[in-house]
Protein backbone atom coordinates (compact mmCIF):
# COMPACT_ATOMS: atom_id res chain seq x y z
CA PHE A 1 27.68 8.34 111.11
CA GLU A 2 29.64 8.49 107.82
CA LEU A 3 28.69 5.13 106.40
CA VAL A 4 24.97 5.77 106.86
CA LYS A 5 25.49 9.25 105.14
CA ASN A 6 27.29 7.56 102.21
CA SER A 7 24.49 5.09 101.86
CA TYR A 8 21.89 7.89 101.69
CA ASP A 9 24.09 9.98 99.36
CA ALA A 10 24.50 6.96 97.01
CA PHE A 11 20.79 7.31 95.99
CA ALA A 12 19.68 4.49 98.06
CA GLN A 13 16.04 4.31 98.76
CA ASN A 14 16.33 1.66 101.47
CA VAL A 15 19.19 1.62 104.07
CA VAL A 16 19.04 -1.19 106.71
CA ILE A 17 21.29 -1.13 109.89
CA THR A 18 21.46 -4.20 111.96
CA PHE A 19 23.32 -4.81 115.21
CA ILE A 20 24.01 -8.40 116.12
CA ASN A 21 26.43 -9.18 118.96
CA ASP A 22 29.79 -7.86 117.74
CA LYS A 23 28.73 -6.90 114.21
CA ILE A 24 27.09 -3.78 112.65
CA THR A 25 25.78 -4.24 109.19
CA ILE A 26 24.79 -1.34 106.96
CA ALA A 27 23.09 -2.40 103.71
CA ASP A 28 21.51 -0.29 101.02
CA ASN A 29 20.10 -0.67 97.66
CA GLY A 30 22.01 2.24 96.12
CA LYS A 31 24.28 2.43 93.12
CA GLY A 32 26.72 -0.22 94.32
CA MET A 33 30.58 -0.24 94.02
CA SER A 34 33.02 -1.99 91.84
CA GLN A 35 35.52 -4.40 93.34
CA GLU A 36 38.31 -1.85 92.46
CA LYS A 37 36.60 0.92 94.43
CA ILE A 38 36.12 -1.46 97.38
CA ASP A 39 39.67 -2.47 97.26
CA LYS A 40 40.88 1.12 97.23
CA LEU A 41 38.62 2.00 100.20
CA LEU A 42 39.93 -0.86 102.20
CA ASN A 43 43.61 -0.18 101.51
CA GLY A 44 43.17 3.67 101.94
CA THR A 45 43.88 4.86 98.39
CA TYR A 46 40.42 5.84 97.28
CA ARG A 47 39.68 9.42 96.34
CA ASP A 48 37.24 10.77 93.77
CA ASP A 49 36.83 14.50 93.32
CA ASN A 50 34.18 13.95 90.61
CA LEU A 51 31.38 12.47 92.70
CA SER A 52 28.01 14.21 92.07
CA PHE A 53 27.18 14.54 95.78
CA ASP A 54 29.20 16.20 98.49
CA SER A 55 31.86 13.61 99.18
CA ASN A 56 35.16 12.49 97.76
CA GLY A 57 35.63 9.18 99.68
CA ILE A 58 38.07 10.52 102.21
CA GLY A 59 35.49 10.35 105.01
CA MET A 60 34.90 6.64 104.59
CA VAL A 61 38.69 5.96 104.29
CA ASN A 62 39.22 8.02 107.45
CA VAL A 63 36.45 6.05 109.44
CA ILE A 64 38.03 2.69 108.37
CA ASN A 65 41.60 3.90 109.38
CA ARG A 66 40.24 5.22 112.70
CA LEU A 67 38.55 2.05 113.45
CA ARG A 68 41.68 -0.18 112.59
CA LEU A 69 43.83 2.00 114.76
CA PHE A 70 41.46 2.08 117.72
CA LEU A 71 40.82 -1.66 117.72
CA ASP A 72 44.33 -2.63 116.69
CA SER A 73 43.18 -4.82 113.96
CA ASP A 74 42.93 -4.79 110.10
CA ASP A 75 40.16 -7.27 109.99
CA ILE A 76 37.32 -5.02 111.31
CA ILE A 77 35.47 -4.18 108.07
CA THR A 78 34.12 -5.95 104.97
CA ILE A 79 32.55 -4.25 102.06
CA THR A 80 30.56 -6.23 99.46
CA SER A 81 28.64 -5.18 96.33
CA GLU A 82 27.33 -7.21 93.51
CA GLY A 83 28.00 -4.37 91.11
CA GLU A 84 26.27 -1.28 89.68
CA ASN A 85 22.71 -0.64 90.93
CA MET A 86 23.04 -3.71 93.18
CA GLY A 87 23.52 -1.85 96.53
CA THR A 88 26.42 -2.20 98.93
CA GLU A 89 26.75 -4.00 102.32
CA VAL A 90 29.36 -2.75 104.93
CA ARG A 91 30.04 -5.04 107.97
CA ILE A 92 31.89 -3.70 110.93
CA TYR A 93 33.25 -6.19 113.46
CA LEU A 94 33.69 -4.76 116.92
CA PRO A 95 35.37 -7.28 119.29
CA LEU A 96 33.52 -7.63 122.40
CA ASN A 97 35.57 -7.16 125.62
CA GLU A 98 34.60 -10.03 127.90
CA ASP A 99 36.64 -8.40 130.76
CA GLU A 100 34.25 -5.43 131.01
CA GLU A 101 30.71 -5.76 132.61
């Protein structure tokens, strides 16, 4: 899962994944993200070819775009970080289909 891999690659020592009802939360204590980087990830314009690990940000943008397309919603993911070395939290909202049993 791309988000978990990104948490690990961001030098996080702790990654916590929580499933509650229609929400998946992935939180780490890694190097964090600037608001500018978060905004670029969410609007699909982030790319960094100078990362020190094997990633350029395209994978996470791809995951976000595929979830939005599959769920037909723009409001399915939030990313928060208090800044450098403060970790990152990603929340994915997966609407429950009450028609299915």
